Amino acid sequence: QVQLVESGGGLVQAGGSLRLSCAASGIPFNLVPMAWYRQAPGNERDVVAQITAIHTTNYPDTVQGRFTISRDNTKKTVYLQMNSLKPEDTAVYYCNRYPPLGQWGKGTLVTVSA
């Protein structure tokens, strides 16, 4: 059974940093691309960072230079370091395979105050 458990969200002031974690089980973690996604109220769920099995990364322009995705295959965990946070980064953040597959986790809420 696939399980994705996100953690690390919280309330932070603009300009601050957070580090999100996602523990995965029930998938061949070492072999699959992973990604972080976010969904703000009223918006679609969008990808904010991708990482391949060989640690190649990709980011949209909206977070390029501020967010860093990484993975620890021994711990089956993917991370998202978020720096220079902006109020528009406020959203629920999720991890999943890339492209996404199966059931989503509950996500972790990131709130950035102005």
PDB file of N, CA and C in Angstrom:
ATOM      1  N   GLN A   1       0.838  -1.190   0.000  1.00  0.00           N
ATOM      2  CA  GLN A   1       0.000   0.000   0.000  1.00  0.00           C
ATOM      3  C   GLN A   1       0.879   1.249   0.000  1.00  0.00           C
ATOM      4  N   VAL A   2       0.585   2.141  -0.932  1.00  0.00           N
ATOM      5  CA  VAL A   2       1.354   3.372  -1.040  1.00  0.00           C
ATOM      6  C   VAL A   2       0.995   4.310   0.103  1.00  0.00           C
ATOM      7  N   GLN A   3       2.003   4.861   0.722  1.00  0.00           N
ATOM      8  CA  GLN A   3       1.783   5.841   1.764  1.00  0.00           C
ATOM      9  C   GLN A   3       2.787   6.977   1.586  1.00  0.00           C
ATOM     10  N   LEU A   4       2.283   8.204   1.570  1.00  0.00           N
ATOM     11  CA  LEU A   4       3.094   9.406   1.468  1.00  0.00           C
ATOM     12  C   LEU A   4       2.734  10.297   2.641  1.00  0.00           C
ATOM     13  N   VAL A   5       3.728  10.629   3.459  1.00  0.00           N
ATOM     14  CA  VAL A   5       3.469  11.410   4.662  1.00  0.00           C
ATOM     15  C   VAL A   5       4.340  12.656   4.629  1.00  0.00           C
ATOM     16  N   GLU A   6       3.687  13.795   4.435  1.00  0.00           N
ATOM     17  CA  GLU A   6       4.383  15.079   4.369  1.00  0.00           C
ATOM     18  C   GLU A   6       4.411  15.727   5.748  1.00  0.00           C
ATOM     19  N   SER A   7       5.484  16.462   6.024  1.00  0.00           N
ATOM     20  CA  SER A   7       5.605  17.165   7.292  1.00  0.00           C
ATOM     21  C   SER A   7       6.510  18.371   7.119  1.00  0.00           C
ATOM     22  N   GLY A   8       6.497  19.243   8.117  1.00  0.00           N
ATOM     23  CA  GLY A   8       7.418  20.370   8.122  1.00  0.00           C
ATOM     24  C   GLY A   8       6.797  21.718   7.807  1.00  0.00           C
ATOM     25  N   GLY A   9       5.533  21.731   7.475  1.00  0.00           N
ATOM     26  CA  GLY A   9       4.881  22.996   7.185  1.00  0.00           C
ATOM     27  C   GLY A   9       4.674  23.834   8.439  1.00  0.00           C
ATOM     28  N   GLY A  10       4.210  25.046   8.227  1.00  0.00           N
ATOM     29  CA  GLY A  10       3.967  25.933   9.351  1.00  0.00           C
ATOM     30  C   GLY A  10       3.759  27.353   8.904  1.00  0.00           C
ATOM     31  N   LEU A  11       3.766  28.241   9.873  1.00  0.00           N
ATOM     32  CA  LEU A  11       3.591  29.672   9.619  1.00  0.00           C
ATOM     33  C   LEU A  11       4.950  30.351   9.675  1.00  0.00           C
ATOM     34  N   VAL A  12       5.252  31.117   8.654  1.00  0.00           N
ATOM     35  CA  VAL A  12       6.541  31.793   8.579  1.00  0.00           C
ATOM     36  C   VAL A  12       6.329  33.174   7.972  1.00  0.00           C
ATOM     37  N   GLN A  13       7.167  34.112   8.346  1.00  0.00           N
ATOM     38  CA  GLN A  13       7.088  35.448   7.766  1.00  0.00           C
ATOM     39  C   GLN A  13       7.745  35.463   6.384  1.00  0.00           C
ATOM     40  N   ALA A  14       7.326  36.394   5.579  1.00  0.00           N
ATOM     41  CA  ALA A  14       7.941  36.559   4.266  1.00  0.00           C
ATOM     42  C   ALA A  14       9.445  36.735   4.419  1.00  0.00           C
ATOM     43  N   GLY A  15      10.189  36.056   3.547  1.00  0.00           N
ATOM     44  CA  GLY A  15      11.635  36.068   3.626  1.00  0.00           C
ATOM     45  C   GLY A  15      12.219  34.925   4.420  1.00  0.00           C
ATOM     46  N   GLY A  16      11.366  34.217   5.127  1.00  0.00           N
ATOM     47  CA  GLY A  16      11.816  33.111   5.955  1.00  0.00           C
ATOM     48  C   GLY A  16      11.994  31.818   5.178  1.00  0.00           C
ATOM     49  N   SER A  17      12.315  30.758   5.927  1.00  0.00           N
ATOM     50  CA  SER A  17      12.611  29.456   5.324  1.00  0.00           C
ATOM     51  C   SER A  17      11.859  28.349   6.047  1.00  0.00           C
ATOM     52  N   LEU A  18      11.605  27.283   5.305  1.00  0.00           N
ATOM     53  CA  LEU A  18      11.048  26.056   5.854  1.00  0.00           C
ATOM     54  C   LEU A  18      11.650  24.880   5.108  1.00  0.00           C
ATOM     55  N   ARG A  19      11.697  23.743   5.777  1.00  0.00           N
ATOM     56  CA  ARG A  19      12.146  22.514   5.128  1.00  0.00           C
ATOM     57  C   ARG A  19      11.061  21.468   5.284  1.00  0.00           C
ATOM     58  N   LEU A  20      10.548  21.019   4.180  1.00  0.00           N
ATOM     59  CA  LEU A  20       9.517  20.000   4.177  1.00  0.00           C
ATOM     60  C   LEU A  20      10.139  18.627   3.971  1.00  0.00           C
ATOM     61  N   SER A  21       9.484  17.627   4.542  1.00  0.00           N
ATOM     62  CA  SER A  21       9.907  16.235   4.359  1.00  0.00           C
ATOM     63  C   SER A  21       8.725  15.407   3.903  1.00  0.00           C
ATOM     64  N   CYS A  22       9.021  14.360   3.158  1.00  0.00           N
ATOM     65  CA  CYS A  22       7.984  13.429   2.717  1.00  0.00           C
ATOM     66  C   CYS A  22       8.545  12.024   2.799  1.00  0.00           C
ATOM     67  N   ALA A  23       7.965  11.225   3.669  1.00  0.00           N
ATOM     68  CA  ALA A  23       8.360   9.825   3.816  1.00  0.00           C
ATOM     69  C   ALA A  23       7.452   8.966   2.956  1.00  0.00           C
ATOM     70  N   ALA A  24       8.056   8.144   2.116  1.00  0.00           N
ATOM     71  CA  ALA A  24       7.295   7.318   1.180  1.00  0.00           C
ATOM     72  C   ALA A  24       7.457   5.847   1.515  1.00  0.00           C
ATOM     73  N   SER A  25       6.405   5.098   1.304  1.00  0.00           N
ATOM     74  CA  SER A  25       6.463   3.646   1.440  1.00  0.00           C
ATOM     75  C   SER A  25       5.515   3.036   0.425  1.00  0.00           C
ATOM     76  N   GLY A  26       5.780   1.782   0.073  1.00  0.00           N
ATOM     77  CA  GLY A  26       4.900   1.089  -0.867  1.00  0.00           C
ATOM     78  C   GLY A  26       5.182   1.397  -2.322  1.00  0.00           C
ATOM     79  N   ILE A  27       6.292   2.097  -2.593  1.00  0.00           N
ATOM     80  CA  ILE A  27       6.684   2.374  -3.975  1.00  0.00           C
ATOM     81  C   ILE A  27       8.165   2.039  -4.133  1.00  0.00           C
ATOM     82  N   PRO A  28       8.594   1.770  -5.364  1.00  0.00           N
ATOM     83  CA  PRO A  28      10.025   1.503  -5.604  1.00  0.00           C
ATOM     84  C   PRO A  28      10.804   2.813  -5.595  1.00  0.00           C
ATOM     85  N   PHE A  29      10.931   3.405  -4.419  1.00  0.00           N
ATOM     86  CA  PHE A  29      11.385   4.783  -4.265  1.00  0.00           C
ATOM     87  C   PHE A  29      12.681   5.053  -5.009  1.00  0.00           C
ATOM     88  N   ASN A  30      13.617   4.149  -4.903  1.00  0.00           N
ATOM     89  CA  ASN A  30      14.931   4.373  -5.494  1.00  0.00           C
ATOM     90  C   ASN A  30      14.884   4.519  -7.011  1.00  0.00           C
ATOM     91  N   LEU A  31      13.822   4.058  -7.629  1.00  0.00           N
ATOM     92  CA  LEU A  31      13.763   3.973  -9.083  1.00  0.00           C
ATOM     93  C   LEU A  31      12.887   5.027  -9.736  1.00  0.00           C
ATOM     94  N   VAL A  32      12.132   5.763  -8.939  1.00  0.00           N
ATOM     95  CA  VAL A  32      11.104   6.625  -9.535  1.00  0.00           C
ATOM     96  C   VAL A  32      11.395   8.103  -9.317  1.00  0.00           C
ATOM     97  N   PRO A  33      11.023   8.928 -10.303  1.00  0.00           N
ATOM     98  CA  PRO A  33      11.094  10.374 -10.095  1.00  0.00           C
ATOM     99  C   PRO A  33      10.057  10.786  -9.063  1.00  0.00           C
ATOM    100  N   MET A  34      10.420  11.761  -8.255  1.00  0.00           N
ATOM    101  CA  MET A  34       9.512  12.290  -7.247  1.00  0.00           C
ATOM    102  C   MET A  34       9.357  13.791  -7.461  1.00  0.00           C
ATOM    103  N   ALA A  35       8.339  14.345  -6.847  1.00  0.00           N
ATOM    104  CA  ALA A  35       8.095  15.782  -6.997  1.00  0.00           C
ATOM    105  C   ALA A  35       7.347  16.314  -5.788  1.00  0.00           C
ATOM    106  N   TRP A  36       7.471  17.592  -5.608  1.00  0.00           N
ATOM    107  CA  TRP A  36       6.635  18.327  -4.677  1.00  0.00           C
ATOM    108  C   TRP A  36       5.625  19.134  -5.487  1.00  0.00           C
ATOM    109  N   TYR A  37       4.414  19.171  -4.981  1.00  0.00           N
ATOM    110  CA  TYR A  37       3.323  19.906  -5.587  1.00  0.00           C
ATOM    111  C   TYR A  37       2.720  20.824  -4.527  1.00  0.00           C
ATOM    112  N   ARG A  38       1.978  21.825  -4.992  1.00  0.00           N
ATOM    113  CA  ARG A  38       1.265  22.662  -4.032  1.00  0.00           C
ATOM    114  C   ARG A  38      -0.077  23.069  -4.609  1.00  0.00           C
ATOM    115  N   GLN A  39      -0.992  23.303  -3.686  1.00  0.00           N
ATOM    116  CA  GLN A  39      -2.331  23.725  -4.074  1.00  0.00           C
ATOM    117  C   GLN A  39      -2.798  24.808  -3.130  1.00  0.00           C
ATOM    118  N   ALA A  40      -3.009  25.981  -3.687  1.00  0.00           N
ATOM    119  CA  ALA A  40      -3.559  27.094  -2.925  1.00  0.00           C
ATOM    120  C   ALA A  40      -5.082  27.081  -3.078  1.00  0.00           C
ATOM    121  N   PRO A  41      -5.799  27.670  -2.138  1.00  0.00           N
ATOM    122  CA  PRO A  41      -7.276  27.679  -2.226  1.00  0.00           C
ATOM    123  C   PRO A  41      -7.745  28.240  -3.561  1.00  0.00           C
ATOM    124  N   GLY A  42      -8.633  27.488  -4.211  1.00  0.00           N
ATOM    125  CA  GLY A  42      -9.194  27.930  -5.477  1.00  0.00           C
ATOM    126  C   GLY A  42      -8.315  27.683  -6.676  1.00  0.00           C
ATOM    127  N   ASN A  43      -7.134  27.125  -6.454  1.00  0.00           N
ATOM    128  CA  ASN A  43      -6.198  26.881  -7.559  1.00  0.00           C
ATOM    129  C   ASN A  43      -6.024  25.390  -7.812  1.00  0.00           C
ATOM    130  N   GLU A  44      -5.465  25.077  -8.956  1.00  0.00           N
ATOM    131  CA  GLU A  44      -5.128  23.694  -9.250  1.00  0.00           C
ATOM    132  C   GLU A  44      -3.844  23.312  -8.522  1.00  0.00           C
ATOM    133  N   ARG A  45      -3.614  22.008  -8.438  1.00  0.00           N
ATOM    134  CA  ARG A  45      -2.385  21.505  -7.845  1.00  0.00           C
ATOM    135  C   ARG A  45      -1.284  21.570  -8.896  1.00  0.00           C
ATOM    136  N   ASP A  46      -0.210  22.270  -8.575  1.00  0.00           N
ATOM    137  CA  ASP A  46       0.885  22.470  -9.513  1.00  0.00           C
ATOM    138  C   ASP A  46       2.175  21.887  -8.963  1.00  0.00           C
ATOM    139  N   VAL A  47       3.046  21.480  -9.852  1.00  0.00           N
ATOM    140  CA  VAL A  47       4.343  20.971  -9.433  1.00  0.00           C
ATOM    141  C   VAL A  47       5.270  22.145  -9.143  1.00  0.00           C
ATOM    142  N   VAL A  48       6.044  22.041  -8.072  1.00  0.00           N
ATOM    143  CA  VAL A  48       7.003  23.092  -7.722  1.00  0.00           C
ATOM    144  C   VAL A  48       8.442  22.596  -7.753  1.00  0.00           C
ATOM    145  N   ALA A  49       8.635  21.308  -7.804  1.00  0.00           N
ATOM    146  CA  ALA A  49      10.000  20.780  -7.878  1.00  0.00           C
ATOM    147  C   ALA A  49       9.955  19.317  -8.258  1.00  0.00           C
ATOM    148  N   GLN A  50      10.907  18.911  -9.089  1.00  0.00           N
ATOM    149  CA  GLN A  50      10.995  17.522  -9.504  1.00  0.00           C
ATOM    150  C   GLN A  50      12.415  17.027  -9.261  1.00  0.00           C
ATOM    151  N   ILE A  51      12.535  15.725  -8.995  1.00  0.00           N
ATOM    152  CA  ILE A  51      13.860  15.122  -8.866  1.00  0.00           C
ATOM    153  C   ILE A  51      13.796  13.708  -9.419  1.00  0.00           C
ATOM    154  N   THR A  52      14.729  13.391 -10.278  1.00  0.00           N
ATOM    155  CA  THR A  52      14.770  12.054 -10.859  1.00  0.00           C
ATOM    156  C   THR A  52      15.449  11.078  -9.909  1.00  0.00           C
ATOM    157  N   ALA A  53      15.465   9.819 -10.325  1.00  0.00           N
ATOM    158  CA  ALA A  53      16.104   8.787  -9.513  1.00  0.00           C
ATOM    159  C   ALA A  53      17.607   9.036  -9.385  1.00  0.00           C
ATOM    160  N   ILE A  54      18.167   9.757 -10.353  1.00  0.00           N
ATOM    161  CA  ILE A  54      19.600  10.055 -10.311  1.00  0.00           C
ATOM    162  C   ILE A  54      19.855  11.495  -9.881  1.00  0.00           C
ATOM    163  N   HIS A  55      18.857  12.079  -9.231  1.00  0.00           N
ATOM    164  CA  HIS A  55      18.985  13.368  -8.553  1.00  0.00           C
ATOM    165  C   HIS A  55      19.052  14.571  -9.476  1.00  0.00           C
ATOM    166  N   THR A  56      18.668  14.425 -10.716  1.00  0.00           N
ATOM    167  CA  THR A  56      18.506  15.592 -11.582  1.00  0.00           C
ATOM    168  C   THR A  56      17.247  16.344 -11.153  1.00  0.00           C
ATOM    169  N   THR A  57      17.352  17.661 -11.057  1.00  0.00           N
ATOM    170  CA  THR A  57      16.233  18.450 -10.546  1.00  0.00           C
ATOM    171  C   THR A  57      15.712  19.438 -11.585  1.00  0.00           C
ATOM    172  N   ASN A  58      14.484  19.868 -11.380  1.00  0.00           N
ATOM    173  CA  ASN A  58      13.870  20.852 -12.263  1.00  0.00           C
ATOM    174  C   ASN A  58      12.840  21.641 -11.475  1.00  0.00           C
ATOM    175  N   TYR A  59      12.749  22.939 -11.771  1.00  0.00           N
ATOM    176  CA  TYR A  59      11.857  23.835 -11.044  1.00  0.00           C
ATOM    177  C   TYR A  59      11.160  24.779 -12.019  1.00  0.00           C
ATOM    178  N   PRO A  60       9.936  25.178 -11.704  1.00  0.00           N
ATOM    179  CA  PRO A  60       9.319  26.242 -12.492  1.00  0.00           C
ATOM    180  C   PRO A  60       9.958  27.580 -12.137  1.00  0.00           C
ATOM    181  N   ASP A  61       9.765  28.555 -12.986  1.00  0.00           N
ATOM    182  CA  ASP A  61      10.352  29.876 -12.766  1.00  0.00           C
ATOM    183  C   ASP A  61       9.906  30.509 -11.448  1.00  0.00           C
ATOM    184  N   THR A  62       8.698  30.175 -11.014  1.00  0.00           N
ATOM    185  CA  THR A  62       8.145  30.800  -9.810  1.00  0.00           C
ATOM    186  C   THR A  62       8.952  30.490  -8.554  1.00  0.00           C
ATOM    187  N   VAL A  63       9.683  29.376  -8.538  1.00  0.00           N
ATOM    188  CA  VAL A  63      10.438  28.999  -7.341  1.00  0.00           C
ATOM    189  C   VAL A  63      11.924  28.802  -7.624  1.00  0.00           C
ATOM    190  N   GLN A  64      12.315  28.882  -8.876  1.00  0.00           N
ATOM    191  CA  GLN A  64      13.710  28.679  -9.253  1.00  0.00           C
ATOM    192  C   GLN A  64      14.615  29.615  -8.448  1.00  0.00           C
ATOM    193  N   GLY A  65      15.652  29.047  -7.852  1.00  0.00           N
ATOM    194  CA  GLY A  65      16.578  29.840  -7.058  1.00  0.00           C
ATOM    195  C   GLY A  65      16.189  30.007  -5.607  1.00  0.00           C
ATOM    196  N   ARG A  66      14.956  29.643  -5.266  1.00  0.00           N
ATOM    197  CA  ARG A  66      14.504  29.756  -3.876  1.00  0.00           C
ATOM    198  C   ARG A  66      14.242  28.394  -3.247  1.00  0.00           C
ATOM    199  N   PHE A  67      13.770  27.446  -4.038  1.00  0.00           N
ATOM    200  CA  PHE A  67      13.435  26.115  -3.538  1.00  0.00           C
ATOM    201  C   PHE A  67      14.490  25.112  -4.015  1.00  0.00           C
ATOM    202  N   THR A  68      14.763  24.131  -3.170  1.00  0.00           N
ATOM    203  CA  THR A  68      15.691  23.060  -3.525  1.00  0.00           C
ATOM    204  C   THR A  68      15.100  21.729  -3.104  1.00  0.00           C
ATOM    205  N   ILE A  69      14.965  20.833  -4.051  1.00  0.00           N
ATOM    206  CA  ILE A  69      14.466  19.495  -3.770  1.00  0.00           C
ATOM    207  C   ILE A  69      15.653  18.545  -3.653  1.00  0.00           C
ATOM    208  N   SER A  70      15.538  17.592  -2.748  1.00  0.00           N
ATOM    209  CA  SER A  70      16.566  16.574  -2.593  1.00  0.00           C
ATOM    210  C   SER A  70      15.898  15.290  -2.143  1.00  0.00           C
ATOM    211  N   ARG A  71      16.654  14.209  -2.193  1.00  0.00           N
ATOM    212  CA  ARG A  71      16.097  12.932  -1.785  1.00  0.00           C
ATOM    213  C   ARG A  71      17.158  12.098  -1.093  1.00  0.00           C
ATOM    214  N   ASP A  72      16.717  11.273  -0.172  1.00  0.00           N
ATOM    215  CA  ASP A  72      17.570  10.302   0.502  1.00  0.00           C
ATOM    216  C   ASP A  72      16.965   8.938   0.226  1.00  0.00           C
ATOM    217  N   ASN A  73      17.564   8.215  -0.697  1.00  0.00           N
ATOM    218  CA  ASN A  73      16.988   6.931  -1.094  1.00  0.00           C
ATOM    219  C   ASN A  73      17.062   5.889   0.014  1.00  0.00           C
ATOM    220  N   THR A  74      18.046   6.018   0.917  1.00  0.00           N
ATOM    221  CA  THR A  74      18.142   5.050   2.011  1.00  0.00           C
ATOM    222  C   THR A  74      17.004   5.236   3.009  1.00  0.00           C
ATOM    223  N   LYS A  75      16.535   6.470   3.127  1.00  0.00           N
ATOM    224  CA  LYS A  75      15.429   6.756   4.042  1.00  0.00           C
ATOM    225  C   LYS A  75      14.088   6.840   3.319  1.00  0.00           C
ATOM    226  N   LYS A  76      14.104   6.692   1.992  1.00  0.00           N
ATOM    227  CA  LYS A  76      12.886   6.810   1.190  1.00  0.00           C
ATOM    228  C   LYS A  76      12.162   8.116   1.519  1.00  0.00           C
ATOM    229  N   THR A  77      12.911   9.175   1.543  1.00  0.00           N
ATOM    230  CA  THR A  77      12.387  10.486   1.919  1.00  0.00           C
ATOM    231  C   THR A  77      12.824  11.524   0.895  1.00  0.00           C
ATOM    232  N   VAL A  78      11.904  12.405   0.564  1.00  0.00           N
ATOM    233  CA  VAL A  78      12.218  13.533  -0.308  1.00  0.00           C
ATOM    234  C   VAL A  78      11.995  14.816   0.477  1.00  0.00           C
ATOM    235  N   TYR A  79      12.858  15.779   0.236  1.00  0.00           N
ATOM    236  CA  TYR A  79      12.844  17.029   0.992  1.00  0.00           C
ATOM    237  C   TYR A  79      12.601  18.220   0.060  1.00  0.00           C
ATOM    238  N   LEU A  80      12.111  19.298   0.645  1.00  0.00           N
ATOM    239  CA  LEU A  80      11.998  20.557  -0.088  1.00  0.00           C
ATOM    240  C   LEU A  80      12.460  21.678   0.838  1.00  0.00           C
ATOM    241  N   GLN A  81      13.600  22.232   0.525  1.00  0.00           N
ATOM    242  CA  GLN A  81      14.100  23.397   1.250  1.00  0.00           C
ATOM    243  C   GLN A  81      13.551  24.635   0.558  1.00  0.00           C
ATOM    244  N   MET A  82      12.851  25.450   1.319  1.00  0.00           N
ATOM    245  CA  MET A  82      12.220  26.643   0.761  1.00  0.00           C
ATOM    246  C   MET A  82      12.799  27.864   1.460  1.00  0.00           C
ATOM    247  N   ASN A  83      13.422  28.710   0.685  1.00  0.00           N
ATOM    248  CA  ASN A  83      14.023  29.945   1.198  1.00  0.00           C
ATOM    249  C   ASN A  83      13.347  31.150   0.559  1.00  0.00           C
ATOM    250  N   SER A  84      13.567  32.302   1.157  1.00  0.00           N
ATOM    251  CA  SER A  84      13.007  33.559   0.634  1.00  0.00           C
ATOM    252  C   SER A  84      11.519  33.416   0.332  1.00  0.00           C
ATOM    253  N   LEU A  85      10.811  32.876   1.274  1.00  0.00           N
ATOM    254  CA  LEU A  85       9.393  32.598   1.059  1.00  0.00           C
ATOM    255  C   LEU A  85       8.596  33.874   0.861  1.00  0.00           C
ATOM    256  N   LYS A  86       7.576  33.765   0.031  1.00  0.00           N
ATOM    257  CA  LYS A  86       6.703  34.878  -0.297  1.00  0.00           C
ATOM    258  C   LYS A  86       5.269  34.519   0.082  1.00  0.00           C
ATOM    259  N   PRO A  87       4.425  35.512   0.333  1.00  0.00           N
ATOM    260  CA  PRO A  87       3.027  35.204   0.652  1.00  0.00           C
ATOM    261  C   PRO A  87       2.363  34.334  -0.422  1.00  0.00           C
ATOM    262  N   GLU A  88       2.741  34.489  -1.660  1.00  0.00           N
ATOM    263  CA  GLU A  88       2.134  33.692  -2.728  1.00  0.00           C
ATOM    264  C   GLU A  88       2.580  32.230  -2.708  1.00  0.00           C
ATOM    265  N   ASP A  89       3.519  31.884  -1.842  1.00  0.00           N
ATOM    266  CA  ASP A  89       3.893  30.481  -1.665  1.00  0.00           C
ATOM    267  C   ASP A  89       2.944  29.761  -0.710  1.00  0.00           C
ATOM    268  N   THR A  90       2.039  30.499  -0.096  1.00  0.00           N
ATOM    269  CA  THR A  90       1.078  29.892   0.816  1.00  0.00           C
ATOM    270  C   THR A  90       0.226  28.861   0.081  1.00  0.00           C
ATOM    271  N   ALA A  91       0.218  27.642   0.613  1.00  0.00           N
ATOM    272  CA  ALA A  91      -0.500  26.536  -0.029  1.00  0.00           C
ATOM    273  C   ALA A  91      -0.341  25.285   0.832  1.00  0.00           C
ATOM    274  N   VAL A  92      -1.086  24.266   0.472  1.00  0.00           N
ATOM    275  CA  VAL A  92      -0.827  22.935   1.001  1.00  0.00           C
ATOM    276  C   VAL A  92       0.155  22.255   0.057  1.00  0.00           C
ATOM    277  N   TYR A  93       1.222  21.711   0.609  1.00  0.00           N
ATOM    278  CA  TYR A  93       2.278  21.087  -0.169  1.00  0.00           C
ATOM    279  C   TYR A  93       2.171  19.563  -0.051  1.00  0.00           C
ATOM    280  N   TYR A  94       2.306  18.913  -1.193  1.00  0.00           N
ATOM    281  CA  TYR A  94       2.206  17.468  -1.281  1.00  0.00           C
ATOM    282  C   TYR A  94       3.425  16.911  -2.014  1.00  0.00           C
ATOM    283  N   CYS A  95       3.749  15.672  -1.741  1.00  0.00           N
ATOM    284  CA  CYS A  95       4.723  14.974  -2.570  1.00  0.00           C
ATOM    285  C   CYS A  95       4.027  13.808  -3.266  1.00  0.00           C
ATOM    286  N   ASN A  96       4.612  13.392  -4.361  1.00  0.00           N
ATOM    287  CA  ASN A  96       4.100  12.237  -5.095  1.00  0.00           C
ATOM    288  C   ASN A  96       5.140  11.878  -6.141  1.00  0.00           C
ATOM    289  N   ARG A  97       4.902  10.811  -6.820  1.00  0.00           N
ATOM    290  CA  ARG A  97       5.735  10.486  -7.964  1.00  0.00           C
ATOM    291  C   ARG A  97       5.528  11.556  -9.021  1.00  0.00           C
ATOM    292  N   TYR A  98       6.472  11.569 -10.008  1.00  0.00           N
ATOM    293  CA  TYR A  98       6.313  12.477 -11.129  1.00  0.00           C
ATOM    294  C   TYR A  98       6.373  11.680 -12.424  1.00  0.00           C
ATOM    295  N   PRO A  99       5.319  11.710 -13.206  1.00  0.00           N
ATOM    296  CA  PRO A  99       4.032  12.355 -12.922  1.00  0.00           C
ATOM    297  C   PRO A  99       3.316  11.664 -11.775  1.00  0.00           C
ATOM    298  N   PRO A 100       2.355  12.329 -11.184  1.00  0.00           N
ATOM    299  CA  PRO A 100       1.711  11.779  -9.991  1.00  0.00           C
ATOM    300  C   PRO A 100       0.959  10.487 -10.279  1.00  0.00           C
ATOM    301  N   LEU A 101       0.942   9.624  -9.294  1.00  0.00           N
ATOM    302  CA  LEU A 101       0.316   8.319  -9.439  1.00  0.00           C
ATOM    303  C   LEU A 101      -0.260   7.904  -8.106  1.00  0.00           C
ATOM    304  N   GLY A 102      -1.491   7.430  -8.158  1.00  0.00           N
ATOM    305  CA  GLY A 102      -2.077   6.856  -6.965  1.00  0.00           C
ATOM    306  C   GLY A 102      -2.582   7.898  -5.987  1.00  0.00           C
ATOM    307  N   GLN A 103      -2.795   7.420  -4.775  1.00  0.00           N
ATOM    308  CA  GLN A 103      -3.403   8.252  -3.748  1.00  0.00           C
ATOM    309  C   GLN A 103      -2.414   9.288  -3.221  1.00  0.00           C
ATOM    310  N   TRP A 104      -2.927  10.484  -2.961  1.00  0.00           N
ATOM    311  CA  TRP A 104      -2.119  11.547  -2.393  1.00  0.00           C
ATOM    312  C   TRP A 104      -2.113  11.441  -0.866  1.00  0.00           C
ATOM    313  N   GLY A 105      -1.068  11.998  -0.268  1.00  0.00           N
ATOM    314  CA  GLY A 105      -1.050  12.116   1.183  1.00  0.00           C
ATOM    315  C   GLY A 105      -1.911  13.289   1.620  1.00  0.00           C
ATOM    316  N   LYS A 106      -1.848  13.593   2.911  1.00  0.00           N
ATOM    317  CA  LYS A 106      -2.677  14.676   3.443  1.00  0.00           C
ATOM    318  C   LYS A 106      -2.069  16.040   3.187  1.00  0.00           C
ATOM    319  N   GLY A 107      -0.790  16.076   2.859  1.00  0.00           N
ATOM    320  CA  GLY A 107      -0.123  17.342   2.612  1.00  0.00           C
ATOM    321  C   GLY A 107       0.273  18.032   3.904  1.00  0.00           C
ATOM    322  N   THR A 108       1.013  19.119   3.745  1.00  0.00           N
ATOM    323  CA  THR A 108       1.414  19.934   4.886  1.00  0.00           C
ATOM    324  C   THR A 108       1.211  21.395   4.513  1.00  0.00           C
ATOM    325  N   LEU A 109       0.581  22.140   5.409  1.00  0.00           N
ATOM    326  CA  LEU A 109       0.201  23.511   5.119  1.00  0.00           C
ATOM    327  C   LEU A 109       1.359  24.461   5.391  1.00  0.00           C
ATOM    328  N   VAL A 110       1.649  25.279   4.401  1.00  0.00           N
ATOM    329  CA  VAL A 110       2.638  26.350   4.516  1.00  0.00           C
ATOM    330  C   VAL A 110       1.907  27.677   4.394  1.00  0.00           C
ATOM    331  N   THR A 111       2.068  28.504   5.411  1.00  0.00           N
ATOM    332  CA  THR A 111       1.451  29.824   5.404  1.00  0.00           C
ATOM    333  C   THR A 111       2.546  30.869   5.555  1.00  0.00           C
ATOM    334  N   VAL A 112       2.612  31.774   4.597  1.00  0.00           N
ATOM    335  CA  VAL A 112       3.624  32.824   4.610  1.00  0.00           C
ATOM    336  C   VAL A 112       2.929  34.163   4.814  1.00  0.00           C
ATOM    337  N   SER A 113       3.245  34.808   5.903  1.00  0.00           N
ATOM    338  CA  SER A 113       2.625  36.092   6.208  1.00  0.00           C
ATOM    339  C   SER A 113       3.461  37.231   5.638  1.00  0.00           C
ATOM    340  N   ALA A 114       2.760  38.287   5.293  1.00  0.00           N
ATOM    341  CA  ALA A 114       3.450  39.443   4.686  1.00  0.00           C
ATOM    342  C   ALA A 114       4.224  40.255   5.723  1.00  0.00           C
TER     343      ALA A 114
END
